[in-house]
Amino acid sequence: MASMAVDLNNAAWRKSSYSNGTGGECVEVADGLPGIVPVRDSKDPDGPALVFSAVGWSSFVAAVKADA
């Protein structure tokens, strides 16, 4: 699979509803980017982000919910 650069400078990040309120396990996702879902550690906002296809992210979320 080829990698591509994605400009996330203006991404609108939101904390996952599954993140806890004590500063740990904080995952943020960026909405509104057609076809992709960037994910990052909120404790390291300048660090790397993983970028998933929207279809791949939907499959991941469905699998997590099914196992919960």
PDB file of N, CA and C in Angstrom:
ATOM      1  N   MET A   1       0.848  -1.171   0.000  1.00  0.00           N
ATOM      2  CA  MET A   1       0.000   0.000   0.000  1.00  0.00           C
ATOM      3  C   MET A   1       0.893   1.234   0.000  1.00  0.00           C
ATOM      4  N   ALA A   2       0.590   2.183  -0.838  1.00  0.00           N
ATOM      5  CA  ALA A   2       1.357   3.416  -0.926  1.00  0.00           C
ATOM      6  C   ALA A   2       0.948   4.358   0.204  1.00  0.00           C
ATOM      7  N   SER A   3       1.914   5.113   0.702  1.00  0.00           N
ATOM      8  CA  SER A   3       1.582   6.103   1.724  1.00  0.00           C
ATOM      9  C   SER A   3       1.442   7.454   1.054  1.00  0.00           C
ATOM     10  N   MET A   4       0.639   8.309   1.673  1.00  0.00           N
ATOM     11  CA  MET A   4       0.462   9.644   1.131  1.00  0.00           C
ATOM     12  C   MET A   4       0.463  10.639   2.273  1.00  0.00           C
ATOM     13  N   ALA A   5       0.912  11.839   1.979  1.00  0.00           N
ATOM     14  CA  ALA A   5       0.926  12.889   2.988  1.00  0.00           C
ATOM     15  C   ALA A   5      -0.476  13.497   3.089  1.00  0.00           C
ATOM     16  N   VAL A   6      -0.918  13.704   4.307  1.00  0.00           N
ATOM     17  CA  VAL A   6      -2.224  14.311   4.556  1.00  0.00           C
ATOM     18  C   VAL A   6      -1.995  15.531   5.431  1.00  0.00           C
ATOM     19  N   ASP A   7      -2.475  16.683   5.001  1.00  0.00           N
ATOM     20  CA  ASP A   7      -2.329  17.917   5.770  1.00  0.00           C
ATOM     21  C   ASP A   7      -3.407  17.955   6.852  1.00  0.00           C
ATOM     22  N   LEU A   8      -2.981  17.843   8.104  1.00  0.00           N
ATOM     23  CA  LEU A   8      -3.922  17.834   9.230  1.00  0.00           C
ATOM     24  C   LEU A   8      -3.838  19.119  10.050  1.00  0.00           C
ATOM     25  N   ASN A   9      -3.179  20.148   9.506  1.00  0.00           N
ATOM     26  CA  ASN A   9      -3.004  21.404  10.245  1.00  0.00           C
ATOM     27  C   ASN A   9      -4.323  22.054  10.625  1.00  0.00           C
ATOM     28  N   ASN A  10      -5.336  21.919   9.808  1.00  0.00           N
ATOM     29  CA  ASN A  10      -6.625  22.543  10.095  1.00  0.00           C
ATOM     30  C   ASN A  10      -7.693  21.527  10.478  1.00  0.00           C
ATOM     31  N   ALA A  11      -7.262  20.343  10.854  1.00  0.00           N
ATOM     32  CA  ALA A  11      -8.207  19.294  11.229  1.00  0.00           C
ATOM     33  C   ALA A  11      -8.946  19.679  12.511  1.00  0.00           C
ATOM     34  N   ALA A  12     -10.209  19.334  12.567  1.00  0.00           N
ATOM     35  CA  ALA A  12     -11.035  19.570  13.756  1.00  0.00           C
ATOM     36  C   ALA A  12     -11.021  18.287  14.586  1.00  0.00           C
ATOM     37  N   TRP A  13     -10.175  18.259  15.604  1.00  0.00           N
ATOM     38  CA  TRP A  13     -10.006  17.069  16.438  1.00  0.00           C
ATOM     39  C   TRP A  13     -11.045  17.053  17.547  1.00  0.00           C
ATOM     40  N   ARG A  14     -11.497  15.851  17.892  1.00  0.00           N
ATOM     41  CA  ARG A  14     -12.392  15.680  19.045  1.00  0.00           C
ATOM     42  C   ARG A  14     -11.938  14.441  19.812  1.00  0.00           C
ATOM     43  N   LYS A  15     -12.106  14.512  21.115  1.00  0.00           N
ATOM     44  CA  LYS A  15     -11.713  13.390  21.956  1.00  0.00           C
ATOM     45  C   LYS A  15     -12.739  12.274  21.850  1.00  0.00           C
ATOM     46  N   SER A  16     -12.259  11.061  21.769  1.00  0.00           N
ATOM     47  CA  SER A  16     -13.151   9.910  21.700  1.00  0.00           C
ATOM     48  C   SER A  16     -14.008   9.838  22.951  1.00  0.00           C
ATOM     49  N   SER A  17     -15.243   9.414  22.786  1.00  0.00           N
ATOM     50  CA  SER A  17     -16.133   9.250  23.937  1.00  0.00           C
ATOM     51  C   SER A  17     -15.658   8.118  24.837  1.00  0.00           C
ATOM     52  N   TYR A  18     -14.744   7.286  24.341  1.00  0.00           N
ATOM     53  CA  TYR A  18     -14.209   6.188  25.137  1.00  0.00           C
ATOM     54  C   TYR A  18     -12.959   6.580  25.916  1.00  0.00           C
ATOM     55  N   SER A  19     -12.459   7.801  25.738  1.00  0.00           N
ATOM     56  CA  SER A  19     -11.307   8.262  26.500  1.00  0.00           C
ATOM     57  C   SER A  19     -11.739   8.539  27.925  1.00  0.00           C
ATOM     58  N   ASN A  20     -10.843   8.264  28.869  1.00  0.00           N
ATOM     59  CA  ASN A  20     -11.225   8.525  30.258  1.00  0.00           C
ATOM     60  C   ASN A  20     -10.911   9.972  30.631  1.00  0.00           C
ATOM     61  N   GLY A  21     -11.435  10.438  31.740  1.00  0.00           N
ATOM     62  CA  GLY A  21     -11.291  11.823  32.142  1.00  0.00           C
ATOM     63  C   GLY A  21     -10.099  12.106  33.012  1.00  0.00           C
ATOM     64  N   THR A  22      -9.206  11.148  33.197  1.00  0.00           N
ATOM     65  CA  THR A  22      -8.075  11.346  34.100  1.00  0.00           C
ATOM     66  C   THR A  22      -6.765  11.622  33.371  1.00  0.00           C
ATOM     67  N   GLY A  23      -6.845  11.881  32.075  1.00  0.00           N
ATOM     68  CA  GLY A  23      -5.643  12.218  31.330  1.00  0.00           C
ATOM     69  C   GLY A  23      -4.964  11.045  30.661  1.00  0.00           C
ATOM     70  N   GLY A  24      -5.448   9.860  30.879  1.00  0.00           N
ATOM     71  CA  GLY A  24      -4.867   8.688  30.232  1.00  0.00           C
ATOM     72  C   GLY A  24      -5.789   8.143  29.169  1.00  0.00           C
ATOM     73  N   GLU A  25      -5.268   7.275  28.343  1.00  0.00           N
ATOM     74  CA  GLU A  25      -6.064   6.618  27.306  1.00  0.00           C
ATOM     75  C   GLU A  25      -6.867   7.606  26.474  1.00  0.00           C
ATOM     76  N   CYS A  26      -6.236   8.694  26.058  1.00  0.00           N
ATOM     77  CA  CYS A  26      -6.929   9.743  25.322  1.00  0.00           C
ATOM     78  C   CYS A  26      -6.665   9.610  23.827  1.00  0.00           C
ATOM     79  N   VAL A  27      -7.702   9.325  23.115  1.00  0.00           N
ATOM     80  CA  VAL A  27      -7.623   9.195  21.668  1.00  0.00           C
ATOM     81  C   VAL A  27      -8.488  10.288  21.067  1.00  0.00           C
ATOM     82  N   GLU A  28      -7.947  10.974  20.052  1.00  0.00           N
ATOM     83  CA  GLU A  28      -8.708  11.978  19.327  1.00  0.00           C
ATOM     84  C   GLU A  28      -8.841  11.546  17.873  1.00  0.00           C
ATOM     85  N   VAL A  29      -9.974  11.886  17.292  1.00  0.00           N
ATOM     86  CA  VAL A  29     -10.194  11.635  15.870  1.00  0.00           C
ATOM     87  C   VAL A  29     -10.563  12.963  15.212  1.00  0.00           C
ATOM     88  N   ALA A  30     -10.263  13.080  13.938  1.00  0.00           N
ATOM     89  CA  ALA A  30     -10.627  14.284  13.185  1.00  0.00           C
ATOM     90  C   ALA A  30     -11.769  13.930  12.247  1.00  0.00           C
ATOM     91  N   ASP A  31     -12.796  14.744  12.288  1.00  0.00           N
ATOM     92  CA  ASP A  31     -13.973  14.544  11.445  1.00  0.00           C
ATOM     93  C   ASP A  31     -13.906  15.451  10.224  1.00  0.00           C
ATOM     94  N   GLY A  32     -14.727  15.136   9.242  1.00  0.00           N
ATOM     95  CA  GLY A  32     -14.914  16.020   8.112  1.00  0.00           C
ATOM     96  C   GLY A  32     -13.880  15.918   7.010  1.00  0.00           C
ATOM     97  N   LEU A  33     -13.085  14.868   7.011  1.00  0.00           N
ATOM     98  CA  LEU A  33     -12.098  14.666   5.951  1.00  0.00           C
ATOM     99  C   LEU A  33     -12.585  13.510   5.087  1.00  0.00           C
ATOM    100  N   PRO A  34     -13.040  13.808   3.891  1.00  0.00           N
ATOM    101  CA  PRO A  34     -13.657  12.784   3.047  1.00  0.00           C
ATOM    102  C   PRO A  34     -12.776  11.558   2.819  1.00  0.00           C
ATOM    103  N   GLY A  35     -13.323  10.406   3.171  1.00  0.00           N
ATOM    104  CA  GLY A  35     -12.666   9.137   2.895  1.00  0.00           C
ATOM    105  C   GLY A  35     -11.615   8.691   3.872  1.00  0.00           C
ATOM    106  N   ILE A  36     -11.241   9.558   4.838  1.00  0.00           N
ATOM    107  CA  ILE A  36     -10.207   9.181   5.806  1.00  0.00           C
ATOM    108  C   ILE A  36     -10.617   9.562   7.220  1.00  0.00           C
ATOM    109  N   VAL A  37     -10.017   8.884   8.200  1.00  0.00           N
ATOM    110  CA  VAL A  37     -10.229   9.201   9.611  1.00  0.00           C
ATOM    111  C   VAL A  37      -8.866   9.218  10.293  1.00  0.00           C
ATOM    112  N   PRO A  38      -8.329  10.416  10.567  1.00  0.00           N
ATOM    113  CA  PRO A  38      -7.076  10.518  11.306  1.00  0.00           C
ATOM    114  C   PRO A  38      -7.321  10.278  12.802  1.00  0.00           C
ATOM    115  N   VAL A  39      -6.368   9.633  13.452  1.00  0.00           N
ATOM    116  CA  VAL A  39      -6.455   9.308  14.879  1.00  0.00           C
ATOM    117  C   VAL A  39      -5.120   9.665  15.510  1.00  0.00           C
ATOM    118  N   ARG A  40      -5.154  10.295  16.690  1.00  0.00           N
ATOM    119  CA  ARG A  40      -3.906  10.661  17.374  1.00  0.00           C
ATOM    120  C   ARG A  40      -4.068  10.534  18.887  1.00  0.00           C
ATOM    121  N   ASP A  41      -2.950  10.584  19.569  1.00  0.00           N
ATOM    122  CA  ASP A  41      -2.903  10.587  21.030  1.00  0.00           C
ATOM    123  C   ASP A  41      -3.057  12.034  21.481  1.00  0.00           C
ATOM    124  N   SER A  42      -4.095  12.342  22.237  1.00  0.00           N
ATOM    125  CA  SER A  42      -4.343  13.732  22.634  1.00  0.00           C
ATOM    126  C   SER A  42      -3.256  14.279  23.543  1.00  0.00           C
ATOM    127  N   LYS A  43      -2.495  13.414  24.188  1.00  0.00           N
ATOM    128  CA  LYS A  43      -1.410  13.872  25.045  1.00  0.00           C
ATOM    129  C   LYS A  43      -0.195  14.308  24.226  1.00  0.00           C
ATOM    130  N   ASP A  44      -0.204  14.017  22.920  1.00  0.00           N
ATOM    131  CA  ASP A  44       0.904  14.368  22.036  1.00  0.00           C
ATOM    132  C   ASP A  44       0.341  14.944  20.734  1.00  0.00           C
ATOM    133  N   PRO A  45      -0.321  16.121  20.805  1.00  0.00           N
ATOM    134  CA  PRO A  45      -0.994  16.655  19.626  1.00  0.00           C
ATOM    135  C   PRO A  45      -0.050  16.998  18.469  1.00  0.00           C
ATOM    136  N   ASP A  46       1.218  17.196  18.743  1.00  0.00           N
ATOM    137  CA  ASP A  46       2.177  17.473  17.676  1.00  0.00           C
ATOM    138  C   ASP A  46       2.853  16.208  17.171  1.00  0.00           C
ATOM    139  N   GLY A  47       2.511  15.089  17.768  1.00  0.00           N
ATOM    140  CA  GLY A  47       3.085  13.809  17.372  1.00  0.00           C
ATOM    141  C   GLY A  47       2.383  13.260  16.140  1.00  0.00           C
ATOM    142  N   PRO A  48       2.705  12.043  15.806  1.00  0.00           N
ATOM    143  CA  PRO A  48       2.137  11.449  14.593  1.00  0.00           C
ATOM    144  C   PRO A  48       0.655  11.119  14.743  1.00  0.00           C
ATOM    145  N   ALA A  49      -0.004  11.047  13.620  1.00  0.00           N
ATOM    146  CA  ALA A  49      -1.393  10.598  13.568  1.00  0.00           C
ATOM    147  C   ALA A  49      -1.450   9.392  12.648  1.00  0.00           C
ATOM    148  N   LEU A  50      -2.277   8.463  12.996  1.00  0.00           N
ATOM    149  CA  LEU A  50      -2.556   7.339  12.105  1.00  0.00           C
ATOM    150  C   LEU A  50      -3.740   7.738  11.247  1.00  0.00           C
ATOM    151  N   VAL A  51      -3.675   7.449   9.968  1.00  0.00           N
ATOM    152  CA  VAL A  51      -4.766   7.811   9.058  1.00  0.00           C
ATOM    153  C   VAL A  51      -5.341   6.532   8.478  1.00  0.00           C
ATOM    154  N   PHE A  52      -6.613   6.303   8.786  1.00  0.00           N
ATOM    155  CA  PHE A  52      -7.326   5.115   8.328  1.00  0.00           C
ATOM    156  C   PHE A  52      -8.285   5.493   7.214  1.00  0.00           C
ATOM    157  N   SER A  53      -8.573   4.554   6.343  1.00  0.00           N
ATOM    158  CA  SER A  53      -9.657   4.780   5.390  1.00  0.00           C
ATOM    159  C   SER A  53     -10.955   4.819   6.193  1.00  0.00           C
ATOM    160  N   ALA A  54     -11.945   5.539   5.698  1.00  0.00           N
ATOM    161  CA  ALA A  54     -13.225   5.618   6.396  1.00  0.00           C
ATOM    162  C   ALA A  54     -13.854   4.236   6.533  1.00  0.00           C
ATOM    163  N   VAL A  55     -13.724   3.412   5.498  1.00  0.00           N
ATOM    164  CA  VAL A  55     -14.271   2.051   5.538  1.00  0.00           C
ATOM    165  C   VAL A  55     -13.527   1.215   6.586  1.00  0.00           C
ATOM    166  N   GLY A  56     -12.212   1.327   6.609  1.00  0.00           N
ATOM    167  CA  GLY A  56     -11.425   0.580   7.598  1.00  0.00           C
ATOM    168  C   GLY A  56     -11.748   1.003   9.018  1.00  0.00           C
ATOM    169  N   TRP A  57     -11.910   2.310   9.232  1.00  0.00           N
ATOM    170  CA  TRP A  57     -12.242   2.823  10.566  1.00  0.00           C
ATOM    171  C   TRP A  57     -13.625   2.328  11.002  1.00  0.00           C
ATOM    172  N   SER A  58     -14.592   2.353  10.095  1.00  0.00           N
ATOM    173  CA  SER A  58     -15.935   1.869  10.417  1.00  0.00           C
ATOM    174  C   SER A  58     -15.905   0.399  10.801  1.00  0.00           C
ATOM    175  N   SER A  59     -15.116  -0.395  10.085  1.00  0.00           N
ATOM    176  CA  SER A  59     -14.983  -1.812  10.421  1.00  0.00           C
ATOM    177  C   SER A  59     -14.357  -2.003  11.781  1.00  0.00           C
ATOM    178  N   PHE A  60     -13.327  -1.212  12.095  1.00  0.00           N
ATOM    179  CA  PHE A  60     -12.657  -1.282  13.398  1.00  0.00           C
ATOM    180  C   PHE A  60     -13.633  -0.944  14.519  1.00  0.00           C
ATOM    181  N   VAL A  61     -14.363   0.166  14.372  1.00  0.00           N
ATOM    182  CA  VAL A  61     -15.321   0.583  15.407  1.00  0.00           C
ATOM    183  C   VAL A  61     -16.393  -0.475  15.600  1.00  0.00           C
ATOM    184  N   ALA A  62     -16.895  -1.036  14.521  1.00  0.00           N
ATOM    185  CA  ALA A  62     -17.918  -2.086  14.627  1.00  0.00           C
ATOM    186  C   ALA A  62     -17.379  -3.307  15.367  1.00  0.00           C
ATOM    187  N   ALA A  63     -16.133  -3.674  15.091  1.00  0.00           N
ATOM    188  CA  ALA A  63     -15.531  -4.827  15.769  1.00  0.00           C
ATOM    189  C   ALA A  63     -15.340  -4.565  17.252  1.00  0.00           C
ATOM    190  N   VAL A  64     -14.916  -3.347  17.596  1.00  0.00           N
ATOM    191  CA  VAL A  64     -14.731  -2.992  19.014  1.00  0.00           C
ATOM    192  C   VAL A  64     -16.073  -3.022  19.732  1.00  0.00           C
ATOM    193  N   LYS A  65     -17.091  -2.449  19.130  1.00  0.00           N
ATOM    194  CA  LYS A  65     -18.426  -2.434  19.753  1.00  0.00           C
ATOM    195  C   LYS A  65     -18.972  -3.849  19.924  1.00  0.00           C
ATOM    196  N   ALA A  66     -18.716  -4.716  18.971  1.00  0.00           N
ATOM    197  CA  ALA A  66     -19.211  -6.091  19.043  1.00  0.00           C
ATOM    198  C   ALA A  66     -18.538  -6.884  20.152  1.00  0.00           C
ATOM    199  N   ASP A  67     -17.306  -6.489  20.487  1.00  0.00           N
ATOM    200  CA  ASP A  67     -16.536  -7.207  21.509  1.00  0.00           C
ATOM    201  C   ASP A  67     -16.730  -6.593  22.885  1.00  0.00           C
ATOM    202  N   ALA A  68     -17.398  -5.446  22.978  1.00  0.00           N
ATOM    203  CA  ALA A  68     -17.543  -4.725  24.250  1.00  0.00           C
ATOM    204  C   ALA A  68     -18.497  -5.353  25.186  1.00  0.00           C
TER     205      ALA A  68
END
